[in-house]
Amino acid sequence: MTTPEKKVKDKVVKILKELGAYYFYPVTGGFGRSGVPDIVCCLAGNFIGIECKANGNKPTALQHKNLGDIQEAGGYAFIVNEDNIDALERVLRMWGK
């Protein structure tokens, strides 16, 4: 069964693939860094972190911190859910092919 958050992730990845972005899902299990975004990508020279949520779930304080750190370093950070994925797609398409 596909979770609502997985559906959001799948839609984001579909867009990234269409645009030819480099992307990956960071693995944070005991050796990684906690709070990193669900999807990290590079599109047209833009470093992007995307945190995917669904069903009204909100990012944790640590996830917000990491997204803020990405922005402070000059990258872009987005929190996307089933209600705003179209807005993310419009932004990514402006940068993509």
N, C-alpha and C. Protein backbone atom coordinates (compact mmCIF):
# COMPACT_ATOMS: atom_id res chain seq x y z
N MET A 1 0.84 -1.19 0.00
CA MET A 1 0.00 0.00 0.00
C MET A 1 0.88 1.25 0.00
N THR A 2 0.54 2.20 -0.82
CA THR A 2 1.30 3.44 -0.91
C THR A 2 0.74 4.46 0.08
N THR A 3 1.62 5.01 0.90
CA THR A 3 1.19 6.01 1.87
C THR A 3 0.94 7.35 1.18
N PRO A 4 0.16 8.24 1.80
CA PRO A 4 -0.06 9.56 1.20
C PRO A 4 1.25 10.32 0.98
N GLU A 5 2.20 10.22 1.91
CA GLU A 5 3.47 10.91 1.73
C GLU A 5 4.25 10.32 0.56
N LYS A 6 4.20 9.01 0.40
CA LYS A 6 4.88 8.36 -0.73
C LYS A 6 4.29 8.84 -2.05
N LYS A 7 2.99 9.07 -2.09
CA LYS A 7 2.36 9.58 -3.30
C LYS A 7 2.90 10.97 -3.64
N VAL A 8 3.10 11.80 -2.62
CA VAL A 8 3.66 13.14 -2.84
C VAL A 8 5.09 13.00 -3.36
N LYS A 9 5.89 12.14 -2.73
CA LYS A 9 7.27 11.93 -3.17
C LYS A 9 7.31 11.44 -4.62
N ASP A 10 6.44 10.52 -4.95
CA ASP A 10 6.41 9.99 -6.32
C ASP A 10 6.09 11.08 -7.34
N LYS A 11 5.17 11.98 -7.01
CA LYS A 11 4.83 13.08 -7.92
C LYS A 11 6.01 14.02 -8.10
N VAL A 12 6.71 14.32 -6.98
CA VAL A 12 7.88 15.19 -7.07
C VAL A 12 8.95 14.55 -7.95
N VAL A 13 9.22 13.28 -7.74
CA VAL A 13 10.24 12.58 -8.53
C VAL A 13 9.85 12.54 -10.00
N LYS A 14 8.59 12.35 -10.30
CA LYS A 14 8.14 12.35 -11.70
C LYS A 14 8.48 13.70 -12.36
N ILE A 15 8.22 14.78 -11.66
CA ILE A 15 8.54 16.12 -12.19
C ILE A 15 10.05 16.26 -12.38
N LEU A 16 10.82 15.84 -11.37
CA LEU A 16 12.28 15.97 -11.45
C LEU A 16 12.84 15.17 -12.62
N LYS A 17 12.31 13.96 -12.82
CA LYS A 17 12.77 13.14 -13.95
C LYS A 17 12.45 13.82 -15.28
N GLU A 18 11.24 14.35 -15.40
CA GLU A 18 10.85 15.02 -16.64
C GLU A 18 11.77 16.20 -16.96
N LEU A 19 12.26 16.86 -15.91
CA LEU A 19 13.10 18.05 -16.09
C LEU A 19 14.59 17.72 -16.18
N GLY A 20 14.93 16.45 -16.03
CA GLY A 20 16.33 16.04 -16.12
C GLY A 20 17.17 16.42 -14.91
N ALA A 21 16.54 16.55 -13.76
CA ALA A 21 17.25 16.92 -12.53
C ALA A 21 18.05 15.73 -11.99
N TYR A 22 19.12 16.04 -11.30
CA TYR A 22 19.84 15.04 -10.50
C TYR A 22 19.15 15.05 -9.14
N TYR A 23 18.80 13.88 -8.61
CA TYR A 23 18.13 13.83 -7.31
C TYR A 23 18.45 12.52 -6.61
N PHE A 24 18.25 12.53 -5.29
CA PHE A 24 18.37 11.31 -4.50
C PHE A 24 17.60 11.46 -3.20
N TYR A 25 17.32 10.30 -2.59
CA TYR A 25 16.70 10.24 -1.27
C TYR A 25 17.82 10.00 -0.27
N PRO A 26 18.14 10.96 0.57
CA PRO A 26 19.20 10.72 1.56
C PRO A 26 18.78 9.63 2.55
N VAL A 27 19.70 8.77 2.89
CA VAL A 27 19.45 7.73 3.90
C VAL A 27 20.09 8.22 5.20
N THR A 28 19.28 8.34 6.25
CA THR A 28 19.80 8.91 7.47
C THR A 28 19.95 7.92 8.62
N GLY A 29 19.66 6.66 8.41
CA GLY A 29 19.73 5.64 9.45
C GLY A 29 20.95 5.77 10.34
N GLY A 30 21.43 5.25 11.24
CA GLY A 30 22.46 5.53 12.22
C GLY A 30 23.70 6.27 11.75
N PHE A 31 23.99 6.31 10.46
CA PHE A 31 25.22 6.94 10.00
C PHE A 31 25.00 8.29 9.31
N GLY A 32 23.79 8.58 8.94
CA GLY A 32 23.51 9.83 8.22
C GLY A 32 23.19 10.97 9.16
N ARG A 33 22.82 12.06 8.59
CA ARG A 33 22.47 13.26 9.33
C ARG A 33 20.95 13.32 9.46
N SER A 34 20.45 13.47 10.65
CA SER A 34 19.01 13.53 10.88
C SER A 34 18.43 14.85 10.42
N GLY A 35 17.19 14.83 10.00
CA GLY A 35 16.47 16.04 9.64
C GLY A 35 16.70 16.53 8.23
N VAL A 36 17.47 15.80 7.44
CA VAL A 36 17.69 16.24 6.06
C VAL A 36 16.40 16.07 5.27
N PRO A 37 16.22 16.86 4.20
CA PRO A 37 14.99 16.76 3.42
C PRO A 37 14.83 15.38 2.79
N ASP A 38 13.60 15.04 2.45
CA ASP A 38 13.30 13.75 1.84
C ASP A 38 13.99 13.59 0.49
N ILE A 39 14.05 14.67 -0.28
CA ILE A 39 14.66 14.64 -1.61
C ILE A 39 15.66 15.78 -1.71
N VAL A 40 16.85 15.46 -2.16
CA VAL A 40 17.88 16.46 -2.43
C VAL A 40 18.13 16.41 -3.92
N CYS A 41 18.16 17.58 -4.56
CA CYS A 41 18.35 17.58 -6.00
C CYS A 41 19.11 18.81 -6.48
N CYS A 42 19.54 18.70 -7.72
CA CYS A 42 20.17 19.82 -8.41
C CYS A 42 19.46 19.95 -9.75
N LEU A 43 18.95 21.14 -10.02
CA LEU A 43 18.23 21.41 -11.26
C LEU A 43 18.71 22.74 -11.82
N ALA A 44 19.28 22.69 -13.01
CA ALA A 44 19.77 23.90 -13.68
C ALA A 44 20.70 24.70 -12.77
N GLY A 45 21.56 23.99 -12.05
CA GLY A 45 22.53 24.65 -11.18
C GLY A 45 21.99 25.07 -9.84
N ASN A 46 20.74 24.79 -9.55
CA ASN A 46 20.12 25.14 -8.27
C ASN A 46 20.13 23.94 -7.34
N PHE A 47 20.68 24.12 -6.14
CA PHE A 47 20.64 23.09 -5.11
C PHE A 47 19.31 23.22 -4.39
N ILE A 48 18.58 22.10 -4.30
CA ILE A 48 17.21 22.13 -3.78
C ILE A 48 17.00 20.99 -2.78
N GLY A 49 16.42 21.33 -1.64
CA GLY A 49 15.97 20.34 -0.67
C GLY A 49 14.46 20.36 -0.61
N ILE A 50 13.84 19.19 -0.70
CA ILE A 50 12.38 19.10 -0.71
C ILE A 50 11.92 18.17 0.41
N GLU A 51 11.16 18.70 1.33
CA GLU A 51 10.57 17.92 2.40
C GLU A 51 9.12 17.62 2.02
N CYS A 52 8.77 16.35 1.94
CA CYS A 52 7.43 15.94 1.53
C CYS A 52 6.58 15.58 2.74
N LYS A 53 5.38 16.09 2.78
CA LYS A 53 4.44 15.82 3.86
C LYS A 53 3.07 15.51 3.26
N ALA A 54 2.19 14.96 4.06
CA ALA A 54 0.82 14.67 3.61
C ALA A 54 -0.10 14.63 4.82
N ASN A 55 -1.38 14.73 4.54
CA ASN A 55 -2.42 14.62 5.58
C ASN A 55 -2.24 15.62 6.71
N GLY A 56 -1.77 16.82 6.40
CA GLY A 56 -1.62 17.85 7.42
C GLY A 56 -0.40 17.72 8.30
N ASN A 57 0.44 16.72 8.05
CA ASN A 57 1.66 16.59 8.85
C ASN A 57 2.58 17.76 8.59
N LYS A 58 3.32 18.17 9.61
CA LYS A 58 4.22 19.32 9.52
C LYS A 58 5.66 18.86 9.75
N PRO A 59 6.62 19.60 9.20
CA PRO A 59 8.03 19.26 9.44
C PRO A 59 8.39 19.43 10.92
N THR A 60 9.35 18.64 11.35
CA THR A 60 9.85 18.76 12.72
C THR A 60 10.75 19.99 12.83
N ALA A 61 11.09 20.36 14.04
CA ALA A 61 11.99 21.49 14.26
C ALA A 61 13.34 21.24 13.58
N LEU A 62 13.82 20.01 13.64
CA LEU A 62 15.11 19.68 13.01
C LEU A 62 15.01 19.77 11.49
N GLN A 63 13.90 19.33 10.93
CA GLN A 63 13.71 19.46 9.47
C GLN A 63 13.66 20.93 9.07
N HIS A 64 12.96 21.76 9.84
CA HIS A 64 12.94 23.20 9.56
C HIS A 64 14.35 23.78 9.63
N LYS A 65 15.13 23.36 10.62
CA LYS A 65 16.50 23.86 10.75
C LYS A 65 17.32 23.51 9.51
N ASN A 66 17.24 22.28 9.06
CA ASN A 66 17.99 21.86 7.88
C ASN A 66 17.55 22.61 6.63
N LEU A 67 16.26 22.82 6.47
CA LEU A 67 15.77 23.59 5.32
C LEU A 67 16.29 25.03 5.39
N GLY A 68 16.30 25.59 6.59
CA GLY A 68 16.85 26.94 6.77
C GLY A 68 18.33 26.98 6.46
N ASP A 69 19.07 25.95 6.88
CA ASP A 69 20.51 25.88 6.59
C ASP A 69 20.77 25.85 5.09
N ILE A 70 19.94 25.12 4.36
CA ILE A 70 20.08 25.06 2.90
C ILE A 70 19.89 26.46 2.31
N GLN A 71 18.88 27.16 2.77
CA GLN A 71 18.63 28.52 2.26
C GLN A 71 19.76 29.47 2.62
N GLU A 72 20.26 29.37 3.84
CA GLU A 72 21.36 30.24 4.26
C GLU A 72 22.63 29.99 3.44
N ALA A 73 22.78 28.77 2.94
CA ALA A 73 23.94 28.42 2.12
C ALA A 73 23.74 28.79 0.65
N GLY A 74 22.58 29.36 0.31
CA GLY A 74 22.33 29.78 -1.06
C GLY A 74 21.47 28.83 -1.88
N GLY A 75 21.00 27.76 -1.26
CA GLY A 75 20.13 26.81 -1.97
C GLY A 75 18.67 27.16 -1.78
N TYR A 76 17.82 26.29 -2.27
CA TYR A 76 16.38 26.47 -2.16
C TYR A 76 15.80 25.31 -1.37
N ALA A 77 14.82 25.61 -0.53
CA ALA A 77 14.21 24.59 0.31
C ALA A 77 12.69 24.72 0.22
N PHE A 78 12.04 23.59 0.05
CA PHE A 78 10.60 23.57 -0.10
C PHE A 78 9.98 22.52 0.81
N ILE A 79 8.81 22.84 1.32
CA ILE A 79 7.97 21.87 2.01
C ILE A 79 6.77 21.68 1.09
N VAL A 80 6.57 20.46 0.65
CA VAL A 80 5.51 20.19 -0.33
C VAL A 80 4.56 19.15 0.23
N ASN A 81 3.27 19.34 -0.11
CA ASN A 81 2.25 18.37 0.26
C ASN A 81 1.26 18.25 -0.90
N GLU A 82 0.22 17.47 -0.67
CA GLU A 82 -0.72 17.23 -1.76
C GLU A 82 -1.46 18.51 -2.19
N ASP A 83 -1.45 19.54 -1.34
CA ASP A 83 -2.17 20.78 -1.66
C ASP A 83 -1.33 21.80 -2.42
N ASN A 84 0.00 21.74 -2.32
CA ASN A 84 0.84 22.76 -2.95
C ASN A 84 1.83 22.21 -3.98
N ILE A 85 1.69 20.96 -4.35
CA ILE A 85 2.64 20.37 -5.28
C ILE A 85 2.61 21.06 -6.65
N ASP A 86 1.46 21.60 -7.03
CA ASP A 86 1.38 22.32 -8.31
C ASP A 86 2.25 23.57 -8.29
N ALA A 87 2.29 24.26 -7.16
CA ALA A 87 3.14 25.46 -7.04
C ALA A 87 4.61 25.08 -7.15
N LEU A 88 5.01 23.98 -6.51
CA LEU A 88 6.39 23.51 -6.63
C LEU A 88 6.70 23.19 -8.08
N GLU A 89 5.79 22.51 -8.75
CA GLU A 89 6.01 22.14 -10.14
C GLU A 89 6.23 23.38 -11.01
N ARG A 90 5.44 24.42 -10.80
CA ARG A 90 5.61 25.66 -11.59
C ARG A 90 7.01 26.26 -11.38
N VAL A 91 7.47 26.28 -10.15
CA VAL A 91 8.81 26.83 -9.86
C VAL A 91 9.88 25.98 -10.52
N LEU A 92 9.80 24.67 -10.38
CA LEU A 92 10.81 23.79 -10.96
C LEU A 92 10.81 23.88 -12.48
N ARG A 93 9.65 23.98 -13.07
CA ARG A 93 9.58 24.08 -14.55
C ARG A 93 10.17 25.39 -15.05
N MET A 94 10.12 26.45 -14.25
CA MET A 94 10.77 27.71 -14.65
C MET A 94 12.28 27.52 -14.78
N TRP A 95 12.85 26.66 -13.90
CA TRP A 95 14.29 26.42 -13.91
C TRP A 95 14.69 25.34 -14.90
N GLY A 96 13.78 24.37 -15.12
CA GLY A 96 14.12 23.19 -15.91
C GLY A 96 14.07 23.44 -17.40
N LYS A 97 14.11 22.38 -18.11
CA LYS A 97 14.14 22.42 -19.59
C LYS A 97 12.92 23.09 -20.17
